[in-house]
């Protein structure tokens, strides 16, 4: 039959291990969130650069006459 001291030691080891695994899971979550944020930022930057590149090619359509829009209520 285990003594009280051994039971406390086992409980403390289990508690420490649970805290460590919780900390590891939190670090992994933060790492994934950071990676996702960087991916989104890169995609937004790519979209902005692409929009600037494509806006230079639209000079032909900007000089075309526009037709008035008639709204019938």
PDB file of N, CA and C in Angstrom:
ATOM      1  N   UNK A   1       0.839  -1.170   0.000  1.00  0.00           N
ATOM      2  CA  UNK A   1       0.000   0.000   0.000  1.00  0.00           C
ATOM      3  C   UNK A   1       0.896   1.250   0.000  1.00  0.00           C
ATOM      4  N   UNK A   2       0.692   2.179  -0.975  1.00  0.00           N
ATOM      5  CA  UNK A   2       1.546   3.360  -1.068  1.00  0.00           C
ATOM      6  C   UNK A   2       1.292   4.320   0.099  1.00  0.00           C
ATOM      7  N   UNK A   3       2.351   4.993   0.464  1.00  0.00           N
ATOM      8  CA  UNK A   3       2.233   5.953   1.562  1.00  0.00           C
ATOM      9  C   UNK A   3       1.636   7.262   1.040  1.00  0.00           C
ATOM     10  N   UNK A   4       1.274   8.128   1.980  1.00  0.00           N
ATOM     11  CA  UNK A   4       0.689   9.421   1.608  1.00  0.00           C
ATOM     12  C   UNK A   4       1.691  10.278   0.834  1.00  0.00           C
ATOM     13  N   UNK A   5       2.948  10.165   1.222  1.00  0.00           N
ATOM     14  CA  UNK A   5       3.980  10.951   0.546  1.00  0.00           C
ATOM     15  C   UNK A   5       4.084  10.555  -0.921  1.00  0.00           C
ATOM     16  N   UNK A   6       4.075   9.265  -1.199  1.00  0.00           N
ATOM     17  CA  UNK A   6       4.147   8.786  -2.585  1.00  0.00           C
ATOM     18  C   UNK A   6       2.928   9.238  -3.380  1.00  0.00           C
ATOM     19  N   UNK A   7       1.774   9.187  -2.780  1.00  0.00           N
ATOM     20  CA  UNK A   7       0.554   9.632  -3.473  1.00  0.00           C
ATOM     21  C   UNK A   7       0.639  11.113  -3.807  1.00  0.00           C
ATOM     22  N   UNK A   8       1.146  11.917  -2.866  1.00  0.00           N
ATOM     23  CA  UNK A   8       1.303  13.350  -3.127  1.00  0.00           C
ATOM     24  C   UNK A   8       2.313  13.590  -4.246  1.00  0.00           C
ATOM     25  N   UNK A   9       3.394  12.817  -4.245  1.00  0.00           N
ATOM     26  CA  UNK A   9       4.400  12.957  -5.293  1.00  0.00           C
ATOM     27  C   UNK A   9       3.814  12.621  -6.659  1.00  0.00           C
ATOM     28  N   UNK A  10       3.057  11.547  -6.728  1.00  0.00           N
ATOM     29  CA  UNK A  10       2.418  11.176  -8.002  1.00  0.00           C
ATOM     30  C   UNK A  10       1.435  12.246  -8.452  1.00  0.00           C
ATOM     31  N   UNK A  11       0.658  12.759  -7.509  1.00  0.00           N
ATOM     32  CA  UNK A  11      -0.306  13.809  -7.849  1.00  0.00           C
ATOM     33  C   UNK A  11       0.414  15.061  -8.332  1.00  0.00           C
ATOM     34  N   UNK A  12       1.521  15.409  -7.681  1.00  0.00           N
ATOM     35  CA  UNK A  12       2.287  16.588  -8.101  1.00  0.00           C
ATOM     36  C   UNK A  12       2.903  16.390  -9.483  1.00  0.00           C
ATOM     37  N   UNK A  13       3.432  15.186  -9.736  1.00  0.00           N
ATOM     38  CA  UNK A  13       3.990  14.908 -11.063  1.00  0.00           C
ATOM     39  C   UNK A  13       2.912  15.000 -12.136  1.00  0.00           C
ATOM     40  N   UNK A  14       1.746  14.442 -11.847  1.00  0.00           N
ATOM     41  CA  UNK A  14       0.649  14.500 -12.817  1.00  0.00           C
ATOM     42  C   UNK A  14       0.207  15.942 -13.042  1.00  0.00           C
ATOM     43  N   UNK A  15       0.167  16.718 -11.974  1.00  0.00           N
ATOM     44  CA  UNK A  15      -0.223  18.123 -12.089  1.00  0.00           C
ATOM     45  C   UNK A  15       0.787  18.901 -12.933  1.00  0.00           C
ATOM     46  N   UNK A  16       2.078  18.685 -12.674  1.00  0.00           N
ATOM     47  CA  UNK A  16       3.113  19.372 -13.450  1.00  0.00           C
ATOM     48  C   UNK A  16       3.059  18.978 -14.917  1.00  0.00           C
ATOM     49  N   UNK A  17       2.838  17.691 -15.170  1.00  0.00           N
ATOM     50  CA  UNK A  17       2.766  17.226 -16.553  1.00  0.00           C
ATOM     51  C   UNK A  17       1.556  17.833 -17.261  1.00  0.00           C
ATOM     52  N   UNK A  18       0.433  17.944 -16.563  1.00  0.00           N
ATOM     53  CA  UNK A  18      -0.756  18.557 -17.156  1.00  0.00           C
ATOM     54  C   UNK A  18      -0.506  20.029 -17.463  1.00  0.00           C
ATOM     55  N   UNK A  19       0.174  20.732 -16.559  1.00  0.00           N
ATOM     56  CA  UNK A  19       0.491  22.140 -16.796  1.00  0.00           C
ATOM     57  C   UNK A  19       1.431  22.297 -17.988  1.00  0.00           C
ATOM     58  N   UNK A  20       2.411  21.407 -18.091  1.00  0.00           N
ATOM     59  CA  UNK A  20       3.349  21.480 -19.209  1.00  0.00           C
ATOM     60  C   UNK A  20       2.651  21.215 -20.539  1.00  0.00           C
ATOM     61  N   UNK A  21       1.787  20.223 -20.569  1.00  0.00           N
ATOM     62  CA  UNK A  21       1.092  19.932 -21.826  1.00  0.00           C
ATOM     63  C   UNK A  21       0.136  21.063 -22.189  1.00  0.00           C
ATOM     64  N   UNK A  22      -0.468  21.697 -21.184  1.00  0.00           N
ATOM     65  CA  UNK A  22      -1.343  22.841 -21.452  1.00  0.00           C
ATOM     66  C   UNK A  22      -0.530  24.007 -22.023  1.00  0.00           C
ATOM     67  N   UNK A  23       0.653  24.239 -21.469  1.00  0.00           N
ATOM     68  CA  UNK A  23       1.513  25.314 -21.965  1.00  0.00           C
ATOM     69  C   UNK A  23       1.974  25.023 -23.391  1.00  0.00           C
ATOM     70  N   UNK A  24       2.289  23.774 -23.675  1.00  0.00           N
ATOM     71  CA  UNK A  24       2.714  23.396 -25.028  1.00  0.00           C
ATOM     72  C   UNK A  24       1.578  23.601 -26.021  1.00  0.00           C
ATOM     73  N   UNK A  25       0.368  23.204 -25.643  1.00  0.00           N
ATOM     74  CA  UNK A  25      -0.781  23.405 -26.540  1.00  0.00           C
ATOM     75  C   UNK A  25      -1.013  24.888 -26.793  1.00  0.00           C
ATOM     76  N   UNK A  26      -0.861  25.712 -25.761  1.00  0.00           N
ATOM     77  CA  UNK A  26      -1.048  27.155 -25.921  1.00  0.00           C
ATOM     78  C   UNK A  26       0.018  27.733 -26.857  1.00  0.00           C
ATOM     79  N   UNK A  27       1.265  27.298 -26.705  1.00  0.00           N
ATOM     80  CA  UNK A  27       2.330  27.780 -27.584  1.00  0.00           C
ATOM     81  C   UNK A  27       2.072  27.379 -29.028  1.00  0.00           C
ATOM     82  N   UNK A  28       1.582  26.166 -29.240  1.00  0.00           N
ATOM     83  CA  UNK A  28       1.277  25.714 -30.596  1.00  0.00           C
ATOM     84  C   UNK A  28       0.134  26.528 -31.189  1.00  0.00           C
ATOM     85  N   UNK A  29      -0.866  26.849 -30.364  1.00  0.00           N
ATOM     86  CA  UNK A  29      -1.989  27.651 -30.839  1.00  0.00           C
ATOM     87  C   UNK A  29      -1.522  29.047 -31.239  1.00  0.00           C
ATOM     88  N   UNK A  30      -0.670  29.645 -30.422  1.00  0.00           N
ATOM     89  CA  UNK A  30      -0.141  30.975 -30.734  1.00  0.00           C
ATOM     90  C   UNK A  30       0.688  30.930 -32.015  1.00  0.00           C
ATOM     91  N   UNK A  31       1.471  29.877 -32.174  1.00  0.00           N
ATOM     92  CA  UNK A  31       2.294  29.733 -33.379  1.00  0.00           C
ATOM     93  C   UNK A  31       1.418  29.607 -34.618  1.00  0.00           C
ATOM     94  N   UNK A  32       0.365  28.797 -34.535  1.00  0.00           N
ATOM     95  CA  UNK A  32      -0.543  28.643 -35.685  1.00  0.00           C
ATOM     96  C   UNK A  32      -1.256  29.951 -35.998  1.00  0.00           C
ATOM     97  N   UNK A  33      -1.684  30.670 -34.973  1.00  0.00           N
ATOM     98  CA  UNK A  33      -2.365  31.950 -35.189  1.00  0.00           C
ATOM     99  C   UNK A  33      -1.426  32.949 -35.852  1.00  0.00           C
ATOM    100  N   UNK A  34      -0.174  32.967 -35.412  1.00  0.00           N
ATOM    101  CA  UNK A  34       0.811  33.869 -36.014  1.00  0.00           C
ATOM    102  C   UNK A  34       1.043  33.512 -37.476  1.00  0.00           C
ATOM    103  N   UNK A  35       1.143  32.222 -37.780  1.00  0.00           N
ATOM    104  CA  UNK A  35       1.347  31.786 -39.160  1.00  0.00           C
ATOM    105  C   UNK A  35       0.149  32.164 -40.028  1.00  0.00           C
ATOM    106  N   UNK A  36      -1.049  31.990 -39.490  1.00  0.00           N
ATOM    107  CA  UNK A  36      -2.251  32.345 -40.239  1.00  0.00           C
ATOM    108  C   UNK A  36      -2.308  33.849 -40.490  1.00  0.00           C
ATOM    109  N   UNK A  37      -1.955  34.638 -39.484  1.00  0.00           N
ATOM    110  CA  UNK A  37      -1.957  36.092 -39.647  1.00  0.00           C
ATOM    111  C   UNK A  37      -0.945  36.525 -40.708  1.00  0.00           C
ATOM    112  N   UNK A  38       0.221  35.909 -40.707  1.00  0.00           N
ATOM    113  CA  UNK A  38       1.221  36.234 -41.726  1.00  0.00           C
ATOM    114  C   UNK A  38       0.749  35.835 -43.116  1.00  0.00           C
ATOM    115  N   UNK A  39       0.075  34.706 -43.214  1.00  0.00           N
ATOM    116  CA  UNK A  39      -0.450  34.265 -44.503  1.00  0.00           C
ATOM    117  C   UNK A  39      -1.504  35.239 -45.019  1.00  0.00           C
ATOM    118  N   UNK A  40      -2.401  35.665 -44.151  1.00  0.00           N
ATOM    119  CA  UNK A  40      -3.438  36.621 -44.553  1.00  0.00           C
ATOM    120  C   UNK A  40      -2.803  37.948 -44.960  1.00  0.00           C
ATOM    121  N   UNK A  41      -1.814  38.404 -44.203  1.00  0.00           N
ATOM    122  CA  UNK A  41      -1.136  39.657 -44.540  1.00  0.00           C
ATOM    123  C   UNK A  41      -0.431  39.554 -45.891  1.00  0.00           C
ATOM    124  N   UNK A  42       0.194  38.424 -46.153  1.00  0.00           N
ATOM    125  CA  UNK A  42       0.865  38.232 -47.438  1.00  0.00           C
ATOM    126  C   UNK A  42      -0.144  38.220 -48.582  1.00  0.00           C
ATOM    127  N   UNK A  43      -1.284  37.581 -48.365  1.00  0.00           N
ATOM    128  CA  UNK A  43      -2.311  37.548 -49.408  1.00  0.00           C
ATOM    129  C   UNK A  43      -2.862  38.947 -49.668  1.00  0.00           C
ATOM    130  N   UNK A  44      -3.080  39.731 -48.610  1.00  0.00           N
ATOM    131  CA  UNK A  44      -3.565  41.100 -48.790  1.00  0.00           C
ATOM    132  C   UNK A  44      -2.531  41.957 -49.519  1.00  0.00           C
ATOM    133  N   UNK A  45      -1.279  41.809 -49.156  1.00  0.00           N
ATOM    134  CA  UNK A  45      -0.225  42.550 -49.834  1.00  0.00           C
ATOM    135  C   UNK A  45      -0.162  42.176 -51.310  1.00  0.00           C
ATOM    136  N   UNK A  46      -0.283  40.892 -51.602  1.00  0.00           N
ATOM    137  CA  UNK A  46      -0.293  40.423 -52.982  1.00  0.00           C
ATOM    138  C   UNK A  46      -1.479  41.018 -53.742  1.00  0.00           C
ATOM    139  N   UNK A  47      -2.648  41.057 -53.109  1.00  0.00           N
ATOM    140  CA  UNK A  47      -3.837  41.610 -53.759  1.00  0.00           C
ATOM    141  C   UNK A  47      -3.668  43.101 -54.040  1.00  0.00           C
ATOM    142  N   UNK A  48      -3.073  43.829 -53.105  1.00  0.00           N
ATOM    143  CA  UNK A  48      -2.860  45.267 -53.305  1.00  0.00           C
ATOM    144  C   UNK A  48      -1.870  45.502 -54.443  1.00  0.00           C
ATOM    145  N   UNK A  49      -0.788  44.763 -54.447  1.00  0.00           N
ATOM    146  CA  UNK A  49       0.203  44.903 -55.521  1.00  0.00           C
ATOM    147  C   UNK A  49      -0.426  44.545 -56.859  1.00  0.00           C
ATOM    148  N   UNK A  50      -1.194  43.485 -56.888  1.00  0.00           N
ATOM    149  CA  UNK A  50      -1.856  43.068 -58.122  1.00  0.00           C
ATOM    150  C   UNK A  50      -2.851  44.123 -58.597  1.00  0.00           C
ATOM    151  N   UNK A  51      -3.563  44.760 -57.676  1.00  0.00           N
ATOM    152  CA  UNK A  51      -4.516  45.788 -58.082  1.00  0.00           C
ATOM    153  C   UNK A  51      -3.793  47.006 -58.659  1.00  0.00           C
ATOM    154  N   UNK A  52      -2.632  47.360 -58.110  1.00  0.00           N
ATOM    155  CA  UNK A  52      -1.866  48.470 -58.671  1.00  0.00           C
ATOM    156  C   UNK A  52      -1.330  48.123 -60.050  1.00  0.00           C
ATOM    157  N   UNK A  53      -0.907  46.900 -60.234  1.00  0.00           N
ATOM    158  CA  UNK A  53      -0.394  46.475 -61.537  1.00  0.00           C
ATOM    159  C   UNK A  53      -1.513  46.494 -62.572  1.00  0.00           C
ATOM    160  N   UNK A  54      -2.678  46.002 -62.217  1.00  0.00           N
ATOM    161  CA  UNK A  54      -3.795  45.949 -63.156  1.00  0.00           C
ATOM    162  C   UNK A  54      -4.418  47.312 -63.392  1.00  0.00           C
ATOM    163  N   UNK A  55      -4.309  48.246 -62.469  1.00  0.00           N
ATOM    164  CA  UNK A  55      -4.920  49.560 -62.662  1.00  0.00           C
ATOM    165  C   UNK A  55      -4.188  50.359 -63.733  1.00  0.00           C
ATOM    166  N   UNK A  56      -2.926  50.077 -64.002  1.00  0.00           N
ATOM    167  CA  UNK A  56      -2.182  50.781 -65.042  1.00  0.00           C
ATOM    168  C   UNK A  56      -2.640  50.373 -66.441  1.00  0.00           C
ATOM    169  N   UNK A  57      -3.165  49.190 -66.613  1.00  0.00           N
ATOM    170  CA  UNK A  57      -3.581  48.693 -67.918  1.00  0.00           C
ATOM    171  C   UNK A  57      -4.974  49.164 -68.317  1.00  0.00           C
ATOM    172  N   UNK A  58      -5.680  49.859 -67.455  1.00  0.00           N
ATOM    173  CA  UNK A  58      -7.065  50.241 -67.747  1.00  0.00           C
ATOM    174  C   UNK A  58      -7.173  51.645 -68.325  1.00  0.00           C
ATOM    175  N   UNK A  59      -6.101  52.228 -68.827  1.00  0.00           N
ATOM    176  CA  UNK A  59      -6.150  53.586 -69.363  1.00  0.00           C
ATOM    177  C   UNK A  59      -7.033  53.664 -70.607  1.00  0.00           C
ATOM    178  N   UNK A  60      -7.147  52.588 -71.370  1.00  0.00           N
ATOM    179  CA  UNK A  60      -7.990  52.595 -72.567  1.00  0.00           C
ATOM    180  C   UNK A  60      -9.464  52.701 -72.199  1.00  0.00           C
ATOM    181  N   UNK A  61      -9.886  52.027 -71.165  1.00  0.00           N
ATOM    182  CA  UNK A  61     -11.303  52.054 -70.799  1.00  0.00           C
ATOM    183  C   UNK A  61     -11.671  53.339 -70.088  1.00  0.00           C
ATOM    184  N   UNK A  62     -10.716  54.015 -69.469  1.00  0.00           N
ATOM    185  CA  UNK A  62     -11.022  55.261 -68.781  1.00  0.00           C
ATOM    186  C   UNK A  62     -11.320  56.381 -69.766  1.00  0.00           C
ATOM    187  N   UNK A  63     -10.734  56.341 -70.953  1.00  0.00           N
ATOM    188  CA  UNK A  63     -10.953  57.402 -71.925  1.00  0.00           C
ATOM    189  C   UNK A  63     -12.223  57.174 -72.751  1.00  0.00           C
ATOM    190  N   UNK A  64     -12.830  56.016 -72.639  1.00  0.00           N
ATOM    191  CA  UNK A  64     -14.051  55.731 -73.392  1.00  0.00           C
ATOM    192  C   UNK A  64     -15.203  56.544 -72.812  1.00  0.00           C
ATOM    193  N   UNK A  65     -16.099  57.031 -73.684  1.00  0.00           N
ATOM    194  CA  UNK A  65     -17.237  57.825 -73.181  1.00  0.00           C
ATOM    195  C   UNK A  65     -18.179  56.945 -72.372  1.00  0.00           C
ATOM    196  N   UNK A  66     -18.702  57.525 -71.329  1.00  0.00           N
ATOM    197  CA  UNK A  66     -19.636  56.769 -70.491  1.00  0.00           C
ATOM    198  C   UNK A  66     -21.060  57.137 -70.886  1.00  0.00           C
ATOM    199  N   UNK A  67     -21.950  56.192 -70.789  1.00  0.00           N
ATOM    200  CA  UNK A  67     -23.346  56.408 -71.129  1.00  0.00           C
ATOM    201  C   UNK A  67     -24.106  56.781 -69.869  1.00  0.00           C
ATOM    202  N   UNK A  68     -25.032  57.738 -69.980  1.00  0.00           N
ATOM    203  CA  UNK A  68     -25.796  58.123 -68.788  1.00  0.00           C
ATOM    204  C   UNK A  68     -26.722  56.984 -68.352  1.00  0.00           C
ATOM    205  N   UNK A  69     -26.901  56.868 -67.066  1.00  0.00           N
ATOM    206  CA  UNK A  69     -27.765  55.842 -66.500  1.00  0.00           C
ATOM    207  C   UNK A  69     -29.096  56.487 -66.171  1.00  0.00           C
ATOM    208  N   UNK A  70     -30.181  55.894 -66.672  1.00  0.00           N
ATOM    209  CA  UNK A  70     -31.517  56.420 -66.428  1.00  0.00           C
ATOM    210  C   UNK A  70     -32.203  55.506 -65.429  1.00  0.00           C
ATOM    211  N   UNK A  71     -32.673  56.084 -64.335  1.00  0.00           N
ATOM    212  CA  UNK A  71     -33.363  55.310 -63.307  1.00  0.00           C
ATOM    213  C   UNK A  71     -34.832  55.668 -63.366  1.00  0.00           C
ATOM    214  N   UNK A  72     -35.683  54.660 -63.569  1.00  0.00           N
ATOM    215  CA  UNK A  72     -37.124  54.884 -63.631  1.00  0.00           C
ATOM    216  C   UNK A  72     -37.718  54.416 -62.315  1.00  0.00           C
ATOM    217  N   UNK A  73     -38.400  55.321 -61.669  1.00  0.00           N
ATOM    218  CA  UNK A  73     -38.976  54.971 -60.364  1.00  0.00           C
ATOM    219  C   UNK A  73     -40.411  54.554 -60.494  1.00  0.00           C
TER     220      UNK A  73
END
